[in-house]
C-alpha atoms as a PDB file:
ATOM      1  CA  MET A   1     -65.944 -22.556  70.114  1.00  0.00           C
ATOM      2  CA  VAL A   2     -68.048 -19.598  71.218  1.00  0.00           C
ATOM      3  CA  LEU A   3     -66.666 -16.370  72.695  1.00  0.00           C
ATOM      4  CA  ASP A   4     -69.297 -14.628  74.801  1.00  0.00           C
ATOM      5  CA  PHE A   5     -69.356 -10.803  74.844  1.00  0.00           C
ATOM      6  CA  GLY A   6     -72.714 -10.403  76.583  1.00  0.00           C
ATOM      7  CA  GLN A   7     -75.305  -9.469  73.954  1.00  0.00           C
ATOM      8  CA  GLU A   8     -73.011 -10.600  71.136  1.00  0.00           C
ATOM      9  CA  ILE A   9     -70.894 -13.673  70.494  1.00  0.00           C
ATOM     10  CA  GLU A  10     -68.078 -14.650  68.176  1.00  0.00           C
ATOM     11  CA  GLN A  11     -67.941 -18.176  66.827  1.00  0.00           C
ATOM     12  CA  VAL A  12     -64.854 -20.139  65.844  1.00  0.00           C
ATOM     13  CA  GLU A  13     -64.975 -23.387  63.884  1.00  0.00           C
ATOM     14  CA  ILE A  14     -61.698 -25.324  63.697  1.00  0.00           C
ATOM     15  CA  LYS A  15     -61.047 -27.909  60.983  1.00  0.00           C
ATOM     16  CA  SER A  16     -57.863 -29.857  60.256  1.00  0.00           C
ATOM     17  CA  GLY A  17     -58.353 -30.101  56.492  1.00  0.00           C
ATOM     18  CA  LYS A  18     -55.846 -28.304  54.270  1.00  0.00           C
ATOM     19  CA  THR A  19     -58.374 -27.903  51.469  1.00  0.00           C
ATOM     20  CA  LEU A  20     -61.318 -25.646  52.220  1.00  0.00           C
ATOM     21  CA  ASN A  21     -64.562 -27.603  52.048  1.00  0.00           C
ATOM     22  CA  PRO A  22     -67.984 -25.900  51.786  1.00  0.00           C
ATOM     23  CA  GLU A  23     -69.228 -28.190  54.567  1.00  0.00           C
ATOM     24  CA  PHE A  24     -66.802 -26.461  56.984  1.00  0.00           C
ATOM     25  CA  PHE A  25     -69.190 -23.470  56.981  1.00  0.00           C
ATOM     26  CA  THR A  26     -72.298 -25.469  57.967  1.00  0.00           C
ATOM     27  CA  PRO A  27     -71.893 -25.274  61.783  1.00  0.00           C
ATOM     28  CA  LEU A  28     -71.247 -21.529  61.541  1.00  0.00           C
ATOM     29  CA  ARG A  29     -74.411 -21.003  59.503  1.00  0.00           C
ATOM     30  CA  LYS A  30     -76.479 -23.111  61.908  1.00  0.00           C
ATOM     31  CA  LEU A  31     -75.426 -21.137  64.973  1.00  0.00           C
ATOM     32  CA  ALA A  32     -75.903 -17.836  63.149  1.00  0.00           C
ATOM     33  CA  ALA A  33     -79.475 -18.886  62.310  1.00  0.00           C
ATOM     34  CA  LEU A  34     -80.168 -19.639  65.984  1.00  0.00           C
ATOM     35  CA  HIS A  35     -78.451 -16.620  67.528  1.00  0.00           C
ATOM     36  CA  GLY A  36     -79.008 -13.102  66.203  1.00  0.00           C
ATOM     37  CA  GLY A  37     -76.027 -11.532  67.957  1.00  0.00           C
ATOM     38  CA  ILE A  38     -73.094 -12.974  66.018  1.00  0.00           C
ATOM     39  CA  ARG A  39     -70.388 -10.307  66.007  1.00  0.00           C
ATOM     40  CA  GLU A  40     -67.871 -12.296  63.963  1.00  0.00           C
ATOM     41  CA  SER A  41     -67.418 -15.807  62.580  1.00  0.00           C
ATOM     42  CA  TYR A  42     -64.054 -17.492  62.100  1.00  0.00           C
ATOM     43  CA  LEU A  43     -63.080 -20.704  60.357  1.00  0.00           C
ATOM     44  CA  VAL A  44     -59.591 -21.944  61.205  1.00  0.00           C
ATOM     45  CA  TYR A  45     -58.317 -24.623  58.831  1.00  0.00           C
ATOM     46  CA  GLY A  46     -55.116 -26.474  57.936  1.00  0.00           C
ATOM     47  CA  GLY A  47     -54.465 -24.510  54.749  1.00  0.00           C
ATOM     48  CA  SER A  48     -52.009 -21.691  54.161  1.00  0.00           C
ATOM     49  CA  GLU A  49     -54.225 -18.754  53.114  1.00  0.00           C
ATOM     50  CA  THR A  50     -56.209 -16.279  55.232  1.00  0.00           C
ATOM     51  CA  PHE A  51     -59.145 -14.449  53.628  1.00  0.00           C
ATOM     52  CA  ARG A  52     -62.867 -13.655  53.950  1.00  0.00           C
ATOM     53  CA  ARG A  53     -65.569 -15.810  52.354  1.00  0.00           C
ATOM     54  CA  GLU A  54     -69.353 -15.818  52.801  1.00  0.00           C
ATOM     55  CA  GLY A  55     -69.085 -13.342  55.682  1.00  0.00           C
ATOM     56  CA  VAL A  56     -66.625 -15.591  57.534  1.00  0.00           C
ATOM     57  CA  ARG A  57     -62.988 -14.855  58.289  1.00  0.00           C
ATOM     58  CA  VAL A  58     -61.170 -17.946  57.029  1.00  0.00           C
ATOM     59  CA  VAL A  59     -57.884 -18.176  58.937  1.00  0.00           C
ATOM     60  CA  SER A  60     -54.904 -20.416  58.226  1.00  0.00           C
ATOM     61  CA  TRP A  61     -53.647 -22.279  61.281  1.00  0.00           C
ATOM     62  CA  ARG A  62     -50.396 -20.375  60.715  1.00  0.00           C
ATOM     63  CA  ASP A  63     -52.237 -17.102  61.356  1.00  0.00           C
ATOM     64  CA  ILE A  64     -54.058 -18.253  64.504  1.00  0.00           C
ATOM     65  CA  ALA A  65     -52.369 -15.438  66.453  1.00  0.00           C
ATOM     66  CA  ARG A  66     -54.691 -13.042  64.610  1.00  0.00           C
ATOM     67  CA  LEU A  67     -57.559 -14.432  66.670  1.00  0.00           C
ATOM     68  CA  THR A  68     -55.803 -14.007  69.995  1.00  0.00           C
ATOM     69  CA  ASP A  69     -53.972 -10.742  69.301  1.00  0.00           C
ATOM     70  CA  ARG A  70     -56.934  -8.376  69.385  1.00  0.00           C
ATOM     71  CA  SER A  71     -55.935  -5.947  72.113  1.00  0.00           C
ATOM     72  CA  SER A  72     -58.340  -3.278  70.845  1.00  0.00           C
ATOM     73  CA  GLN A  73     -61.361  -5.451  71.693  1.00  0.00           C
ATOM     74  CA  GLU A  74     -62.733  -6.067  75.144  1.00  0.00           C
ATOM     75  CA  LEU A  75     -62.252  -9.390  76.866  1.00  0.00           C
ATOM     76  CA  PRO A  76     -65.159 -11.823  76.746  1.00  0.00           C
ATOM     77  CA  ARG A  77     -67.332 -12.233  79.834  1.00  0.00           C
ATOM     78  CA  GLN A  78     -66.449 -15.128  82.072  1.00  0.00           C
ATOM     79  CA  ARG A  79     -69.132 -17.765  82.278  1.00  0.00           C
ATOM     80  CA  SER A  80     -69.146 -21.181  83.869  1.00  0.00           C
ATOM     81  CA  ALA A  81     -71.285 -24.135  82.896  1.00  0.00           C
ATOM     82  CA  SER A  82     -72.458 -26.395  85.718  1.00  0.00           C
ATOM     83  CA  GLY A  83     -70.078 -24.727  88.133  1.00  0.00           C
ATOM     84  CA  VAL A  84     -66.990 -25.655  86.130  1.00  0.00           C
ATOM     85  CA  GLN A  85     -64.615 -22.761  85.606  1.00  0.00           C
ATOM     86  CA  GLY A  86     -63.040 -22.533  82.173  1.00  0.00           C
ATOM     87  CA  LEU A  87     -61.285 -19.943  80.091  1.00  0.00           C
ATOM     88  CA  PRO A  88     -62.989 -16.540  80.257  1.00  0.00           C
ATOM     89  CA  GLY A  89     -65.861 -16.399  77.798  1.00  0.00           C
ATOM     90  CA  VAL A  90     -64.788 -19.500  75.910  1.00  0.00           C
ATOM     91  CA  HIS A  91     -67.303 -22.268  75.294  1.00  0.00           C
ATOM     92  CA  GLY A  92     -66.454 -25.211  73.118  1.00  0.00           C
ATOM     93  CA  SER A  93     -67.712 -28.526  72.012  1.00  0.00           C
ATOM     94  CA  ALA A  94     -66.170 -31.410  70.159  1.00  0.00           C
ATOM     95  CA  THR A  95     -67.680 -31.585  66.679  1.00  0.00           C
END
């Protein structure tokens, strides 16, 4: 999922695995290599711990509210793809 803030984006990768796997970081690295304006990267997984690793905020599914409860940050810009309205600034793909 990509949150669009204009010149910068935040990326969120969501995995169901309870055990952190190094391959979970691959999509985040690929997008970061393509886009220079990554403000923050998040990896949500099925485990129980929340921490930072390799420049990525690794977030337990139990702490998912930390991603949505960021009232001090501005809302992402709204963008539509092919005329389809979605959530403001949220772009996702099934991976």
